[in-house]
Amino acid sequence: MKVVYGTDECTKFIRPTGIGLGNFDGLHVGHLALINTLITESVFNSFDSVLYTFSSH
C-alpha cells in the first residue's frame, strides 16, 4: 500500500484507475463493502485502484 499526502501525485495515473472517494471515518461493514467492491471491480477490469479520503478537520 502506498500512502500519498496531498494531491500532486493524484494527477499522475498512467493506467486506467478505479477511484473510491469518501470520508472514511472508520472501517465499518459498509465502508469495507465499498472498498471490496472497488478492489474487485478494479481487478476484473485490469485497473489500478485508489482510495481517496480526507483528513479530519
N, C-alpha and C. Protein backbone atom coordinates (compact mmCIF):
# COMPACT_ATOMS: atom_id res chain seq x y z
N MET A 1 0.85 -1.17 0.00
CA MET A 1 0.00 0.00 0.00
C MET A 1 0.89 1.23 0.00
N LYS A 2 0.50 2.20 -0.78
CA LYS A 2 1.22 3.46 -0.85
C LYS A 2 0.32 4.55 -0.31
N VAL A 3 0.82 5.34 0.62
CA VAL A 3 0.07 6.46 1.18
C VAL A 3 0.61 7.74 0.56
N VAL A 4 -0.30 8.56 0.04
CA VAL A 4 0.08 9.82 -0.59
C VAL A 4 -0.62 10.94 0.15
N TYR A 5 0.11 11.94 0.56
CA TYR A 5 -0.47 13.11 1.21
C TYR A 5 -0.46 14.25 0.21
N GLY A 6 -1.58 14.93 0.08
CA GLY A 6 -1.71 15.99 -0.91
C GLY A 6 -2.25 15.44 -2.21
N THR A 7 -2.31 16.27 -3.22
CA THR A 7 -2.91 15.85 -4.49
C THR A 7 -1.93 15.84 -5.65
N ASP A 8 -0.68 16.19 -5.44
CA ASP A 8 0.26 16.28 -6.55
C ASP A 8 0.39 14.98 -7.32
N GLU A 9 0.49 13.86 -6.62
CA GLU A 9 0.67 12.58 -7.30
C GLU A 9 -0.64 12.02 -7.84
N CYS A 10 -1.76 12.56 -7.44
CA CYS A 10 -3.05 12.03 -7.87
C CYS A 10 -3.33 12.30 -9.33
N THR A 11 -2.63 13.23 -9.94
CA THR A 11 -2.86 13.51 -11.36
C THR A 11 -1.88 12.74 -12.24
N LYS A 12 -1.09 11.84 -11.66
CA LYS A 12 -0.06 11.14 -12.41
C LYS A 12 -0.41 9.68 -12.67
N PHE A 13 -1.70 9.35 -12.72
CA PHE A 13 -2.09 7.98 -13.01
C PHE A 13 -1.81 7.70 -14.47
N ILE A 14 -1.13 6.60 -14.73
CA ILE A 14 -0.78 6.24 -16.10
C ILE A 14 -1.77 5.23 -16.65
N ARG A 15 -2.18 4.29 -15.82
CA ARG A 15 -3.12 3.25 -16.24
C ARG A 15 -4.54 3.64 -15.87
N PRO A 16 -5.54 2.98 -16.49
CA PRO A 16 -6.92 3.19 -16.03
C PRO A 16 -7.02 2.88 -14.54
N THR A 17 -7.78 3.69 -13.82
CA THR A 17 -7.79 3.59 -12.36
C THR A 17 -9.21 3.72 -11.82
N GLY A 18 -9.59 2.78 -10.94
CA GLY A 18 -10.85 2.88 -10.21
C GLY A 18 -10.59 3.65 -8.93
N ILE A 19 -11.43 4.66 -8.66
CA ILE A 19 -11.20 5.51 -7.50
C ILE A 19 -12.41 5.46 -6.57
N GLY A 20 -12.15 5.15 -5.31
CA GLY A 20 -13.16 5.23 -4.26
C GLY A 20 -12.97 6.54 -3.53
N LEU A 21 -13.99 7.37 -3.50
CA LEU A 21 -13.89 8.70 -2.92
C LEU A 21 -14.85 8.82 -1.75
N GLY A 22 -14.35 9.24 -0.60
CA GLY A 22 -15.26 9.41 0.53
C GLY A 22 -14.54 9.77 1.81
N ASN A 23 -15.33 10.07 2.82
CA ASN A 23 -14.80 10.37 4.14
C ASN A 23 -14.93 9.11 4.98
N PHE A 24 -13.92 8.29 4.97
CA PHE A 24 -13.93 7.01 5.67
C PHE A 24 -13.48 7.23 7.10
N ASP A 25 -14.44 7.53 7.96
CA ASP A 25 -14.16 7.91 9.34
C ASP A 25 -14.04 6.70 10.26
N GLY A 26 -13.74 5.59 9.71
CA GLY A 26 -13.63 4.32 10.43
C GLY A 26 -14.02 3.23 9.45
N LEU A 27 -13.53 2.05 9.65
CA LEU A 27 -13.83 0.98 8.69
C LEU A 27 -14.89 0.06 9.27
N HIS A 28 -16.15 0.42 9.02
CA HIS A 28 -17.24 -0.44 9.44
C HIS A 28 -17.68 -1.29 8.25
N VAL A 29 -18.69 -2.10 8.43
CA VAL A 29 -19.11 -3.07 7.41
C VAL A 29 -19.45 -2.38 6.08
N GLY A 30 -20.13 -1.24 6.13
CA GLY A 30 -20.49 -0.53 4.90
C GLY A 30 -19.28 -0.04 4.14
N HIS A 31 -18.32 0.54 4.85
CA HIS A 31 -17.11 1.02 4.20
C HIS A 31 -16.31 -0.14 3.61
N LEU A 32 -16.20 -1.23 4.36
CA LEU A 32 -15.47 -2.39 3.86
C LEU A 32 -16.11 -2.96 2.61
N ALA A 33 -17.44 -2.94 2.54
CA ALA A 33 -18.14 -3.42 1.35
C ALA A 33 -17.81 -2.55 0.14
N LEU A 34 -17.78 -1.23 0.33
CA LEU A 34 -17.43 -0.33 -0.77
C LEU A 34 -15.99 -0.55 -1.23
N ILE A 35 -15.09 -0.69 -0.28
CA ILE A 35 -13.68 -0.90 -0.61
C ILE A 35 -13.49 -2.23 -1.33
N ASN A 36 -14.14 -3.28 -0.85
CA ASN A 36 -14.05 -4.58 -1.51
C ASN A 36 -14.61 -4.54 -2.92
N THR A 37 -15.70 -3.80 -3.13
CA THR A 37 -16.26 -3.65 -4.48
C THR A 37 -15.28 -2.92 -5.38
N LEU A 38 -14.67 -1.86 -4.88
CA LEU A 38 -13.66 -1.12 -5.65
C LEU A 38 -12.54 -2.05 -6.09
N ILE A 39 -12.01 -2.83 -5.16
CA ILE A 39 -10.90 -3.73 -5.47
C ILE A 39 -11.34 -4.81 -6.45
N THR A 40 -12.49 -5.42 -6.22
CA THR A 40 -12.98 -6.49 -7.09
C THR A 40 -13.19 -6.00 -8.51
N GLU A 41 -13.87 -4.87 -8.66
CA GLU A 41 -14.14 -4.32 -10.00
C GLU A 41 -12.85 -3.86 -10.68
N SER A 42 -11.93 -3.31 -9.91
CA SER A 42 -10.65 -2.88 -10.49
C SER A 42 -9.85 -4.07 -11.00
N VAL A 43 -9.79 -5.14 -10.22
CA VAL A 43 -9.08 -6.35 -10.66
C VAL A 43 -9.75 -6.93 -11.90
N PHE A 44 -11.08 -7.01 -11.89
CA PHE A 44 -11.83 -7.57 -13.02
C PHE A 44 -11.56 -6.80 -14.31
N ASN A 45 -11.43 -5.48 -14.21
CA ASN A 45 -11.21 -4.63 -15.38
C ASN A 45 -9.75 -4.30 -15.64
N SER A 46 -8.84 -4.92 -14.89
CA SER A 46 -7.39 -4.67 -15.01
C SER A 46 -7.05 -3.20 -14.75
N PHE A 47 -7.73 -2.59 -13.80
CA PHE A 47 -7.46 -1.22 -13.40
C PHE A 47 -6.60 -1.23 -12.14
N ASP A 48 -5.88 -0.14 -11.92
CA ASP A 48 -5.32 0.11 -10.60
C ASP A 48 -6.47 0.58 -9.72
N SER A 49 -6.31 0.53 -8.42
CA SER A 49 -7.36 1.04 -7.53
C SER A 49 -6.77 2.03 -6.54
N VAL A 50 -7.56 3.06 -6.25
CA VAL A 50 -7.13 4.12 -5.34
C VAL A 50 -8.29 4.43 -4.40
N LEU A 51 -7.99 4.57 -3.14
CA LEU A 51 -8.98 5.02 -2.16
C LEU A 51 -8.58 6.44 -1.76
N TYR A 52 -9.42 7.40 -2.10
CA TYR A 52 -9.14 8.81 -1.85
C TYR A 52 -10.02 9.26 -0.70
N THR A 53 -9.41 9.69 0.37
CA THR A 53 -10.16 10.11 1.55
C THR A 53 -9.60 11.42 2.08
N PHE A 54 -10.22 11.93 3.10
CA PHE A 54 -9.88 13.24 3.63
C PHE A 54 -9.51 13.12 5.10
N SER A 55 -8.62 13.99 5.55
CA SER A 55 -8.28 14.00 6.97
C SER A 55 -9.36 14.77 7.73
N SER A 56 -9.49 14.46 9.00
CA SER A 56 -10.48 15.15 9.84
C SER A 56 -10.15 16.63 9.93
N HIS A 57 -11.19 17.44 10.05
CA HIS A 57 -10.96 18.88 10.18
C HIS A 57 -11.47 19.39 11.49
